Amino acid sequence: MENGSPVDLIAVIAASIRRERERVGLSMTELAKRAGIAKSTLSQLESGSGNPSVETLWALGAALGVPFSRLVDPPRPTVRVIRAGEGPITRSEQSAYAATLLASCPPGARRDLYRIDTQPGEPRLSQPHNPGSIEHVVLSTGRALAGPVDSPVELAPGDYVTFPGDAPHIFKALEPNTSAVIVMEHI
């Protein structure tokens, strides 16, 4: 994970996981089981000594019934600027894929906004998100395949695709330095 201060992001994630686990009334053992991670990993994350991958945070979010963003987004001021190369970045363990959270859904809203930077190689295979989730992708640079695993669409700069986020889906860079903006809509 990267940020202007990785320690701060780790602290935000630790507090967020603990807050959301307590909110839904789950023990560490039960949350670890539901997320498919070791209890020791969860304990490290909640204590601020772990460094979770995108996959781990998505699994925890799904197990807690909250969007990924609720686990990584710190409180923010009224006016917020995120320059290119800034923001809380979470990297995939399985592919050259980095997700930067640009905006999470405030209370009453049901969407999150991410900037994706990726390279050719292993695709980012995403497991289903919460039921009713919808993804919107606008390709900024490069070329990519995005959409349902069984029928992804090739995108060029400026192209847009939307698809169910509650089914397995893929994002695969076809050119170096491919980037996109993804909006996650939570129903």
N, C-alpha and C. Protein backbone atom coordinates (compact mmCIF):
# COMPACT_ATOMS: atom_id res chain seq x y z
N MET A 1 0.84 -1.16 0.00
CA MET A 1 0.00 0.00 0.00
C MET A 1 0.89 1.22 0.00
N GLU A 2 0.46 2.27 -0.65
CA GLU A 2 1.25 3.48 -0.74
C GLU A 2 0.36 4.67 -0.46
N ASN A 3 0.99 5.75 -0.04
CA ASN A 3 0.30 7.00 0.22
C ASN A 3 1.37 8.00 0.56
N GLY A 4 1.01 9.24 0.79
CA GLY A 4 1.97 10.19 1.28
C GLY A 4 2.58 9.66 2.56
N SER A 5 1.82 8.96 3.36
CA SER A 5 2.28 8.36 4.60
C SER A 5 1.64 6.99 4.76
N PRO A 6 2.36 5.92 4.36
CA PRO A 6 1.78 4.57 4.46
C PRO A 6 1.34 4.21 5.88
N VAL A 7 2.06 4.70 6.89
CA VAL A 7 1.69 4.40 8.26
C VAL A 7 0.31 4.96 8.58
N ASP A 8 0.02 6.18 8.09
CA ASP A 8 -1.30 6.77 8.31
C ASP A 8 -2.39 5.93 7.66
N LEU A 9 -2.17 5.45 6.43
CA LEU A 9 -3.17 4.64 5.75
C LEU A 9 -3.39 3.32 6.50
N ILE A 10 -2.31 2.72 6.96
CA ILE A 10 -2.44 1.47 7.72
C ILE A 10 -3.26 1.72 8.99
N ALA A 11 -3.03 2.87 9.65
CA ALA A 11 -3.79 3.21 10.86
C ALA A 11 -5.27 3.40 10.54
N VAL A 12 -5.56 4.05 9.40
CA VAL A 12 -6.96 4.25 8.98
C VAL A 12 -7.62 2.90 8.74
N ILE A 13 -6.91 2.01 8.02
CA ILE A 13 -7.46 0.68 7.73
C ILE A 13 -7.70 -0.09 9.04
N ALA A 14 -6.74 -0.05 9.96
CA ALA A 14 -6.88 -0.76 11.23
C ALA A 14 -8.12 -0.28 11.98
N ALA A 15 -8.26 1.03 12.11
CA ALA A 15 -9.42 1.59 12.83
C ALA A 15 -10.72 1.27 12.11
N SER A 16 -10.70 1.32 10.79
CA SER A 16 -11.92 1.06 10.01
C SER A 16 -12.38 -0.39 10.14
N ILE A 17 -11.44 -1.33 10.05
CA ILE A 17 -11.81 -2.74 10.18
C ILE A 17 -12.40 -3.00 11.56
N ARG A 18 -11.73 -2.51 12.58
CA ARG A 18 -12.20 -2.70 13.96
C ARG A 18 -13.59 -2.06 14.14
N ARG A 19 -13.76 -0.82 13.65
CA ARG A 19 -15.04 -0.12 13.77
C ARG A 19 -16.16 -0.89 13.09
N GLU A 20 -15.93 -1.34 11.86
CA GLU A 20 -16.97 -2.05 11.11
C GLU A 20 -17.25 -3.43 11.70
N ARG A 21 -16.21 -4.11 12.19
CA ARG A 21 -16.42 -5.42 12.82
C ARG A 21 -17.28 -5.28 14.07
N GLU A 22 -16.97 -4.27 14.88
CA GLU A 22 -17.74 -4.04 16.10
C GLU A 22 -19.16 -3.57 15.77
N ARG A 23 -19.31 -2.79 14.71
CA ARG A 23 -20.63 -2.30 14.31
C ARG A 23 -21.58 -3.45 14.01
N VAL A 24 -21.06 -4.48 13.32
CA VAL A 24 -21.93 -5.62 12.97
C VAL A 24 -21.91 -6.72 14.03
N GLY A 25 -21.12 -6.53 15.08
CA GLY A 25 -21.14 -7.47 16.20
C GLY A 25 -20.46 -8.80 15.92
N LEU A 26 -19.39 -8.79 15.12
CA LEU A 26 -18.68 -10.04 14.84
C LEU A 26 -17.42 -10.14 15.68
N SER A 27 -17.10 -11.34 16.07
CA SER A 27 -15.81 -11.59 16.72
C SER A 27 -14.73 -11.61 15.64
N MET A 28 -13.48 -11.52 16.06
CA MET A 28 -12.38 -11.62 15.09
C MET A 28 -12.41 -12.99 14.40
N THR A 29 -12.69 -14.01 15.16
CA THR A 29 -12.73 -15.37 14.61
C THR A 29 -13.79 -15.48 13.52
N GLU A 30 -14.99 -14.95 13.80
CA GLU A 30 -16.08 -15.05 12.83
C GLU A 30 -15.80 -14.22 11.58
N LEU A 31 -15.28 -13.00 11.75
CA LEU A 31 -14.97 -12.17 10.58
C LEU A 31 -13.89 -12.82 9.73
N ALA A 32 -12.84 -13.34 10.36
CA ALA A 32 -11.77 -13.99 9.61
C ALA A 32 -12.33 -15.17 8.81
N LYS A 33 -13.19 -15.95 9.44
CA LYS A 33 -13.81 -17.10 8.77
C LYS A 33 -14.63 -16.64 7.57
N ARG A 34 -15.49 -15.63 7.76
CA ARG A 34 -16.34 -15.14 6.66
C ARG A 34 -15.52 -14.54 5.52
N ALA A 35 -14.39 -13.91 5.85
CA ALA A 35 -13.55 -13.29 4.81
C ALA A 35 -12.57 -14.27 4.19
N GLY A 36 -12.44 -15.45 4.78
CA GLY A 36 -11.52 -16.45 4.24
C GLY A 36 -10.06 -16.09 4.49
N ILE A 37 -9.78 -15.43 5.62
CA ILE A 37 -8.41 -15.08 5.96
C ILE A 37 -8.09 -15.66 7.35
N ALA A 38 -6.82 -15.74 7.67
CA ALA A 38 -6.42 -16.25 8.98
C ALA A 38 -6.76 -15.23 10.06
N LYS A 39 -7.13 -15.74 11.23
CA LYS A 39 -7.43 -14.85 12.36
C LYS A 39 -6.19 -14.03 12.71
N SER A 40 -5.01 -14.62 12.60
CA SER A 40 -3.78 -13.89 12.91
C SER A 40 -3.58 -12.73 11.94
N THR A 41 -3.96 -12.90 10.68
CA THR A 41 -3.88 -11.81 9.70
C THR A 41 -4.82 -10.69 10.09
N LEU A 42 -6.05 -11.03 10.46
CA LEU A 42 -7.02 -10.03 10.88
C LEU A 42 -6.52 -9.29 12.12
N SER A 43 -5.97 -10.02 13.06
CA SER A 43 -5.45 -9.41 14.28
C SER A 43 -4.34 -8.41 13.94
N GLN A 44 -3.44 -8.77 13.02
CA GLN A 44 -2.38 -7.85 12.59
C GLN A 44 -2.96 -6.61 11.93
N LEU A 45 -3.98 -6.80 11.10
CA LEU A 45 -4.59 -5.66 10.41
C LEU A 45 -5.23 -4.71 11.41
N GLU A 46 -5.98 -5.26 12.37
CA GLU A 46 -6.65 -4.41 13.36
C GLU A 46 -5.66 -3.72 14.30
N SER A 47 -4.49 -4.31 14.50
CA SER A 47 -3.50 -3.68 15.38
C SER A 47 -2.63 -2.68 14.63
N GLY A 48 -2.80 -2.61 13.29
CA GLY A 48 -2.01 -1.66 12.50
C GLY A 48 -0.64 -2.17 12.12
N SER A 49 -0.42 -3.48 12.28
CA SER A 49 0.89 -4.03 11.92
C SER A 49 0.86 -4.83 10.63
N GLY A 50 -0.29 -4.90 9.97
CA GLY A 50 -0.42 -5.63 8.72
C GLY A 50 -0.39 -4.69 7.53
N ASN A 51 -0.26 -5.24 6.33
CA ASN A 51 -0.25 -4.46 5.10
C ASN A 51 -1.12 -5.21 4.08
N PRO A 52 -2.44 -4.99 4.12
CA PRO A 52 -3.36 -5.81 3.32
C PRO A 52 -3.29 -5.52 1.82
N SER A 53 -3.59 -6.56 1.05
CA SER A 53 -3.70 -6.43 -0.40
C SER A 53 -5.13 -6.01 -0.77
N VAL A 54 -5.32 -5.67 -2.03
CA VAL A 54 -6.65 -5.35 -2.55
C VAL A 54 -7.60 -6.51 -2.27
N GLU A 55 -7.12 -7.74 -2.52
CA GLU A 55 -7.97 -8.92 -2.36
C GLU A 55 -8.43 -9.09 -0.91
N THR A 56 -7.52 -8.87 0.03
CA THR A 56 -7.87 -9.01 1.45
C THR A 56 -8.90 -7.97 1.85
N LEU A 57 -8.71 -6.72 1.42
CA LEU A 57 -9.65 -5.66 1.78
C LEU A 57 -11.03 -5.90 1.14
N TRP A 58 -11.06 -6.38 -0.12
CA TRP A 58 -12.36 -6.68 -0.75
C TRP A 58 -13.06 -7.79 0.03
N ALA A 59 -12.29 -8.82 0.42
CA ALA A 59 -12.89 -9.94 1.16
C ALA A 59 -13.45 -9.45 2.50
N LEU A 60 -12.71 -8.60 3.19
CA LEU A 60 -13.20 -8.07 4.46
C LEU A 60 -14.43 -7.19 4.25
N GLY A 61 -14.40 -6.35 3.22
CA GLY A 61 -15.56 -5.50 2.93
C GLY A 61 -16.80 -6.33 2.65
N ALA A 62 -16.62 -7.38 1.84
CA ALA A 62 -17.77 -8.25 1.52
C ALA A 62 -18.28 -8.94 2.78
N ALA A 63 -17.38 -9.43 3.62
CA ALA A 63 -17.78 -10.11 4.85
C ALA A 63 -18.48 -9.16 5.82
N LEU A 64 -18.11 -7.89 5.79
CA LEU A 64 -18.71 -6.90 6.67
C LEU A 64 -19.94 -6.22 6.05
N GLY A 65 -20.15 -6.46 4.75
CA GLY A 65 -21.28 -5.84 4.06
C GLY A 65 -21.08 -4.36 3.82
N VAL A 66 -19.81 -3.94 3.63
CA VAL A 66 -19.51 -2.53 3.37
C VAL A 66 -18.66 -2.42 2.12
N PRO A 67 -18.69 -1.27 1.44
CA PRO A 67 -17.82 -1.09 0.28
C PRO A 67 -16.35 -1.04 0.72
N PHE A 68 -15.49 -1.44 -0.16
CA PHE A 68 -14.03 -1.40 0.03
C PHE A 68 -13.59 -0.04 0.57
N SER A 69 -14.17 1.02 0.02
CA SER A 69 -13.76 2.38 0.37
C SER A 69 -13.93 2.68 1.85
N ARG A 70 -14.92 2.09 2.49
CA ARG A 70 -15.16 2.37 3.90
C ARG A 70 -14.00 1.89 4.77
N LEU A 71 -13.17 0.99 4.21
CA LEU A 71 -12.04 0.47 4.97
C LEU A 71 -10.75 1.27 4.75
N VAL A 72 -10.68 2.08 3.69
CA VAL A 72 -9.41 2.77 3.37
C VAL A 72 -9.51 4.29 3.32
N ASP A 73 -10.69 4.85 3.38
CA ASP A 73 -10.84 6.29 3.18
C ASP A 73 -10.86 7.02 4.52
N PRO A 74 -9.86 7.89 4.78
CA PRO A 74 -9.87 8.66 6.02
C PRO A 74 -10.88 9.80 5.94
N PRO A 75 -11.23 10.41 7.08
CA PRO A 75 -12.11 11.59 7.03
C PRO A 75 -11.49 12.65 6.12
N ARG A 76 -12.33 13.41 5.43
CA ARG A 76 -11.79 14.36 4.45
C ARG A 76 -12.38 15.75 4.61
N PRO A 77 -11.62 16.76 4.16
CA PRO A 77 -12.11 18.14 4.22
C PRO A 77 -13.18 18.38 3.16
N THR A 78 -13.81 19.55 3.21
CA THR A 78 -14.88 19.89 2.26
C THR A 78 -14.37 19.96 0.83
N VAL A 79 -13.22 20.62 0.61
CA VAL A 79 -12.61 20.67 -0.72
C VAL A 79 -11.42 19.72 -0.71
N ARG A 80 -11.39 18.85 -1.69
CA ARG A 80 -10.34 17.82 -1.71
C ARG A 80 -9.77 17.71 -3.10
N VAL A 81 -8.45 17.79 -3.22
CA VAL A 81 -7.76 17.62 -4.49
C VAL A 81 -6.80 16.45 -4.33
N ILE A 82 -6.87 15.53 -5.28
CA ILE A 82 -5.91 14.43 -5.31
C ILE A 82 -5.16 14.55 -6.63
N ARG A 83 -3.90 14.88 -6.54
CA ARG A 83 -3.05 15.02 -7.72
C ARG A 83 -2.66 13.63 -8.25
N ALA A 84 -2.33 13.58 -9.54
CA ALA A 84 -1.86 12.33 -10.13
C ALA A 84 -0.70 11.80 -9.30
N GLY A 85 -0.74 10.53 -8.97
CA GLY A 85 0.31 9.91 -8.18
C GLY A 85 0.08 10.02 -6.68
N GLU A 86 -0.98 10.69 -6.24
CA GLU A 86 -1.29 10.82 -4.83
C GLU A 86 -2.53 9.99 -4.49
N GLY A 87 -2.81 9.89 -3.21
CA GLY A 87 -4.01 9.19 -2.74
C GLY A 87 -3.67 7.82 -2.20
N PRO A 88 -4.61 7.21 -1.49
CA PRO A 88 -4.38 5.88 -0.94
C PRO A 88 -4.40 4.82 -2.04
N ILE A 89 -3.23 4.24 -2.30
CA ILE A 89 -3.08 3.25 -3.38
C ILE A 89 -3.01 1.86 -2.76
N THR A 90 -3.78 0.94 -3.31
CA THR A 90 -3.74 -0.45 -2.89
C THR A 90 -3.40 -1.28 -4.11
N ARG A 91 -2.42 -2.15 -3.97
CA ARG A 91 -1.95 -2.96 -5.10
C ARG A 91 -2.46 -4.39 -5.00
N SER A 92 -2.63 -5.00 -6.17
CA SER A 92 -3.03 -6.40 -6.26
C SER A 92 -1.83 -7.30 -6.00
N GLU A 93 -2.08 -8.45 -5.39
CA GLU A 93 -1.04 -9.47 -5.24
C GLU A 93 -0.92 -10.31 -6.50
N GLN A 94 -1.94 -10.30 -7.35
CA GLN A 94 -2.02 -11.23 -8.47
C GLN A 94 -1.70 -10.62 -9.83
N SER A 95 -1.68 -9.28 -9.93
CA SER A 95 -1.43 -8.65 -11.22
C SER A 95 -0.85 -7.26 -11.01
N ALA A 96 -0.34 -6.66 -12.09
CA ALA A 96 0.20 -5.31 -12.04
C ALA A 96 -0.96 -4.32 -12.08
N TYR A 97 -1.66 -4.19 -10.97
CA TYR A 97 -2.92 -3.44 -10.88
C TYR A 97 -2.90 -2.66 -9.59
N ALA A 98 -3.11 -1.35 -9.69
CA ALA A 98 -3.14 -0.50 -8.50
C ALA A 98 -4.42 0.33 -8.53
N ALA A 99 -5.14 0.34 -7.41
CA ALA A 99 -6.39 1.10 -7.29
C ALA A 99 -6.18 2.26 -6.32
N THR A 100 -6.45 3.47 -6.79
CA THR A 100 -6.38 4.66 -5.94
C THR A 100 -7.79 5.14 -5.67
N LEU A 101 -8.18 5.12 -4.41
CA LEU A 101 -9.51 5.60 -4.05
C LEU A 101 -9.53 7.12 -4.20
N LEU A 102 -10.41 7.63 -5.04
CA LEU A 102 -10.54 9.07 -5.24
C LEU A 102 -11.65 9.64 -4.39
N ALA A 103 -12.77 8.94 -4.29
CA ALA A 103 -13.89 9.42 -3.49
C ALA A 103 -14.74 8.23 -3.06
N SER A 104 -15.02 8.17 -1.78
CA SER A 104 -15.91 7.12 -1.29
C SER A 104 -17.30 7.72 -1.12
N CYS A 105 -18.26 6.85 -0.96
CA CYS A 105 -19.62 7.35 -0.83
C CYS A 105 -19.83 7.93 0.57
N PRO A 106 -20.29 9.18 0.60
CA PRO A 106 -20.64 9.76 1.90
C PRO A 106 -21.96 9.17 2.36
N PRO A 107 -22.34 9.40 3.62
CA PRO A 107 -23.62 8.88 4.09
C PRO A 107 -24.76 9.27 3.15
N GLY A 108 -25.59 8.31 2.79
CA GLY A 108 -26.72 8.56 1.90
C GLY A 108 -26.40 8.34 0.43
N ALA A 109 -25.13 8.35 0.04
CA ALA A 109 -24.74 8.09 -1.34
C ALA A 109 -24.34 6.62 -1.46
N ARG A 110 -24.31 6.12 -2.66
CA ARG A 110 -24.02 4.70 -2.84
C ARG A 110 -23.04 4.48 -3.98
N ARG A 111 -21.91 5.20 -3.98
CA ARG A 111 -20.91 5.02 -5.02
C ARG A 111 -19.53 5.35 -4.50
N ASP A 112 -18.50 4.75 -5.12
CA ASP A 112 -17.10 5.05 -4.84
C ASP A 112 -16.42 5.29 -6.18
N LEU A 113 -15.38 6.10 -6.18
CA LEU A 113 -14.67 6.48 -7.40
C LEU A 113 -13.20 6.13 -7.24
N TYR A 114 -12.64 5.41 -8.23
CA TYR A 114 -11.25 4.97 -8.20
C TYR A 114 -10.54 5.35 -9.50
N ARG A 115 -9.22 5.58 -9.39
CA ARG A 115 -8.34 5.68 -10.56
C ARG A 115 -7.54 4.39 -10.57
N ILE A 116 -7.48 3.73 -11.71
CA ILE A 116 -6.77 2.47 -11.86
C ILE A 116 -5.56 2.68 -12.75
N ASP A 117 -4.42 2.19 -12.32
CA ASP A 117 -3.19 2.20 -13.12
C ASP A 117 -2.71 0.77 -13.21
N THR A 118 -2.48 0.30 -14.43
CA THR A 118 -2.14 -1.11 -14.59
C THR A 118 -1.24 -1.32 -15.80
N GLN A 119 -0.61 -2.48 -15.82
CA GLN A 119 0.32 -2.87 -16.88
C GLN A 119 -0.14 -4.20 -17.48
N PRO A 120 0.30 -4.50 -18.70
CA PRO A 120 -0.02 -5.81 -19.28
C PRO A 120 0.55 -6.93 -18.40
N GLY A 121 -0.05 -8.08 -18.50
CA GLY A 121 0.38 -9.23 -17.71
C GLY A 121 -0.85 -9.91 -17.16
N GLU A 122 -0.75 -10.42 -15.96
CA GLU A 122 -1.88 -11.10 -15.34
C GLU A 122 -3.06 -10.12 -15.19
N PRO A 123 -4.25 -10.54 -15.58
CA PRO A 123 -5.41 -9.66 -15.41
C PRO A 123 -5.82 -9.56 -13.95
N ARG A 124 -6.55 -8.53 -13.62
CA ARG A 124 -7.15 -8.38 -12.28
C ARG A 124 -8.50 -9.08 -12.35
N LEU A 125 -8.59 -10.25 -11.73
CA LEU A 125 -9.84 -11.00 -11.67
C LEU A 125 -10.53 -10.65 -10.37
N SER A 126 -11.72 -10.10 -10.44
CA SER A 126 -12.46 -9.69 -9.24
C SER A 126 -13.59 -10.66 -8.95
N GLN A 127 -13.68 -11.05 -7.70
CA GLN A 127 -14.79 -11.87 -7.26
C GLN A 127 -16.02 -10.96 -7.13
N PRO A 128 -17.21 -11.52 -7.09
CA PRO A 128 -18.41 -10.70 -6.97
C PRO A 128 -18.39 -9.79 -5.74
N HIS A 129 -18.82 -8.55 -5.92
CA HIS A 129 -18.96 -7.61 -4.82
C HIS A 129 -20.37 -7.79 -4.23
N ASN A 130 -20.78 -6.91 -3.37
CA ASN A 130 -22.09 -7.01 -2.74
C ASN A 130 -23.21 -7.10 -3.78
N PRO A 131 -24.29 -7.82 -3.48
CA PRO A 131 -25.40 -7.96 -4.43
C PRO A 131 -25.91 -6.60 -4.91
N GLY A 132 -26.14 -6.50 -6.21
CA GLY A 132 -26.66 -5.28 -6.80
C GLY A 132 -25.59 -4.28 -7.20
N SER A 133 -24.30 -4.57 -6.91
CA SER A 133 -23.22 -3.65 -7.28
C SER A 133 -23.11 -3.55 -8.80
N ILE A 134 -22.80 -2.35 -9.27
CA ILE A 134 -22.61 -2.10 -10.69
C ILE A 134 -21.30 -1.35 -10.86
N GLU A 135 -20.50 -1.75 -11.85
CA GLU A 135 -19.25 -1.04 -12.12
C GLU A 135 -19.40 -0.25 -13.41
N HIS A 136 -18.80 0.94 -13.39
CA HIS A 136 -18.74 1.82 -14.56
C HIS A 136 -17.26 2.09 -14.81
N VAL A 137 -16.79 1.89 -16.04
CA VAL A 137 -15.38 2.08 -16.36
C VAL A 137 -15.27 3.04 -17.55
N VAL A 138 -14.42 4.07 -17.38
CA VAL A 138 -14.05 4.96 -18.48
C VAL A 138 -12.55 4.81 -18.64
N LEU A 139 -12.09 4.34 -19.80
CA LEU A 139 -10.67 4.16 -20.03
C LEU A 139 -10.03 5.51 -20.33
N SER A 140 -8.94 5.81 -19.64
CA SER A 140 -8.24 7.08 -19.82
C SER A 140 -7.09 6.95 -20.80
N THR A 141 -6.22 5.96 -20.59
CA THR A 141 -5.06 5.77 -21.48
C THR A 141 -4.88 4.28 -21.75
N GLY A 142 -4.19 3.98 -22.84
CA GLY A 142 -3.90 2.59 -23.19
C GLY A 142 -5.08 1.88 -23.80
N ARG A 143 -5.09 0.56 -23.66
CA ARG A 143 -6.19 -0.29 -24.10
C ARG A 143 -6.38 -1.36 -23.05
N ALA A 144 -7.62 -1.82 -22.89
CA ALA A 144 -7.89 -2.83 -21.86
C ALA A 144 -9.09 -3.66 -22.22
N LEU A 145 -9.17 -4.82 -21.58
CA LEU A 145 -10.37 -5.65 -21.58
C LEU A 145 -11.00 -5.46 -20.22
N ALA A 146 -12.30 -5.19 -20.19
CA ALA A 146 -13.01 -5.00 -18.92
C ALA A 146 -14.43 -5.52 -19.05
N GLY A 147 -14.93 -6.09 -17.95
CA GLY A 147 -16.31 -6.55 -17.93
C GLY A 147 -16.42 -7.93 -17.33
N PRO A 148 -17.55 -8.58 -17.55
CA PRO A 148 -17.75 -9.93 -17.02
C PRO A 148 -16.66 -10.87 -17.53
N VAL A 149 -16.25 -11.81 -16.70
CA VAL A 149 -15.17 -12.72 -17.05
C VAL A 149 -15.45 -13.43 -18.37
N ASP A 150 -16.70 -13.82 -18.60
CA ASP A 150 -17.03 -14.58 -19.81
C ASP A 150 -17.28 -13.71 -21.04
N SER A 151 -17.34 -12.38 -20.89
CA SER A 151 -17.59 -11.53 -22.07
C SER A 151 -17.03 -10.12 -21.87
N PRO A 152 -15.69 -10.00 -21.62
CA PRO A 152 -15.13 -8.66 -21.45
C PRO A 152 -15.15 -7.89 -22.78
N VAL A 153 -15.09 -6.58 -22.67
CA VAL A 153 -15.12 -5.70 -23.83
C VAL A 153 -13.78 -5.00 -23.95
N GLU A 154 -13.27 -4.88 -25.19
CA GLU A 154 -12.02 -4.14 -25.40
C GLU A 154 -12.32 -2.65 -25.43
N LEU A 155 -11.56 -1.88 -24.64
CA LEU A 155 -11.76 -0.44 -24.54
C LEU A 155 -10.54 0.32 -25.03
N ALA A 156 -10.79 1.47 -25.64
CA ALA A 156 -9.76 2.42 -26.06
C ALA A 156 -9.99 3.71 -25.26
N PRO A 157 -9.03 4.63 -25.24
CA PRO A 157 -9.21 5.87 -24.47
C PRO A 157 -10.54 6.56 -24.78
N GLY A 158 -11.25 6.91 -23.70
CA GLY A 158 -12.55 7.58 -23.82
C GLY A 158 -13.72 6.64 -23.85
N ASP A 159 -13.49 5.34 -24.07
CA ASP A 159 -14.58 4.37 -24.10
C ASP A 159 -15.13 4.14 -22.69
N TYR A 160 -16.40 3.79 -22.62
CA TYR A 160 -17.10 3.55 -21.36
C TYR A 160 -17.80 2.20 -21.43
N VAL A 161 -17.79 1.46 -20.32
CA VAL A 161 -18.55 0.22 -20.21
C VAL A 161 -19.11 0.14 -18.79
N THR A 162 -20.28 -0.45 -18.67
CA THR A 162 -20.86 -0.73 -17.36
C THR A 162 -21.27 -2.19 -17.34
N PHE A 163 -21.19 -2.80 -16.15
CA PHE A 163 -21.50 -4.22 -16.04
C PHE A 163 -21.79 -4.55 -14.58
N PRO A 164 -22.43 -5.69 -14.32
CA PRO A 164 -22.72 -6.09 -12.95
C PRO A 164 -21.43 -6.33 -12.16
N GLY A 165 -21.30 -5.71 -11.01
CA GLY A 165 -20.15 -5.93 -10.15
C GLY A 165 -20.37 -7.09 -9.20
N ASP A 166 -21.58 -7.63 -9.19
CA ASP A 166 -21.88 -8.74 -8.29
C ASP A 166 -21.73 -10.10 -8.98
N ALA A 167 -20.97 -10.11 -10.07
CA ALA A 167 -20.59 -11.34 -10.77
C ALA A 167 -19.09 -11.25 -11.03
N PRO A 168 -18.39 -12.38 -11.19
CA PRO A 168 -16.96 -12.32 -11.46
C PRO A 168 -16.66 -11.43 -12.68
N HIS A 169 -15.63 -10.58 -12.56
CA HIS A 169 -15.30 -9.67 -13.64
C HIS A 169 -13.79 -9.46 -13.73
N ILE A 170 -13.37 -8.83 -14.81
CA ILE A 170 -11.95 -8.76 -15.15
C ILE A 170 -11.57 -7.36 -15.61
N PHE A 171 -10.33 -6.98 -15.35
CA PHE A 171 -9.73 -5.79 -15.95
C PHE A 171 -8.33 -6.21 -16.36
N LYS A 172 -8.03 -6.15 -17.66
CA LYS A 172 -6.72 -6.57 -18.18
C LYS A 172 -6.16 -5.49 -19.09
N ALA A 173 -4.99 -4.97 -18.73
CA ALA A 173 -4.31 -3.99 -19.58
C ALA A 173 -3.77 -4.69 -20.82
N LEU A 174 -3.97 -4.06 -21.97
CA LEU A 174 -3.45 -4.59 -23.23
C LEU A 174 -2.25 -3.77 -23.72
N GLU A 175 -2.01 -2.62 -23.11
CA GLU A 175 -0.88 -1.76 -23.44
C GLU A 175 -0.24 -1.27 -22.15
N PRO A 176 1.07 -0.93 -22.21
CA PRO A 176 1.71 -0.38 -21.01
C PRO A 176 1.03 0.92 -20.57
N ASN A 177 1.10 1.17 -19.26
CA ASN A 177 0.59 2.42 -18.67
C ASN A 177 -0.88 2.67 -18.97
N THR A 178 -1.67 1.63 -18.85
CA THR A 178 -3.12 1.76 -19.04
C THR A 178 -3.73 2.31 -17.76
N SER A 179 -4.65 3.26 -17.92
CA SER A 179 -5.33 3.82 -16.75
C SER A 179 -6.81 4.00 -17.05
N ALA A 180 -7.59 4.01 -15.98
CA ALA A 180 -9.04 4.13 -16.11
C ALA A 180 -9.60 4.77 -14.86
N VAL A 181 -10.82 5.23 -14.98
CA VAL A 181 -11.60 5.68 -13.83
C VAL A 181 -12.73 4.68 -13.68
N ILE A 182 -12.88 4.16 -12.46
CA ILE A 182 -13.96 3.21 -12.18
C ILE A 182 -14.87 3.77 -11.10
N VAL A 183 -16.17 3.72 -11.37
CA VAL A 183 -17.16 4.09 -10.38
C VAL A 183 -17.85 2.80 -9.95
N MET A 184 -17.82 2.56 -8.64
CA MET A 184 -18.52 1.41 -8.06
C MET A 184 -19.84 1.93 -7.51
N GLU A 185 -20.92 1.42 -8.03
CA GLU A 185 -22.25 1.82 -7.58
C GLU A 185 -22.80 0.72 -6.69
N HIS A 186 -23.12 1.07 -5.47
CA HIS A 186 -23.62 0.10 -4.50
C HIS A 186 -25.12 0.28 -4.35
N ILE A 187 -25.87 -0.77 -4.63
CA ILE A 187 -27.32 -0.73 -4.57
C ILE A 187 -27.77 -1.04 -3.15
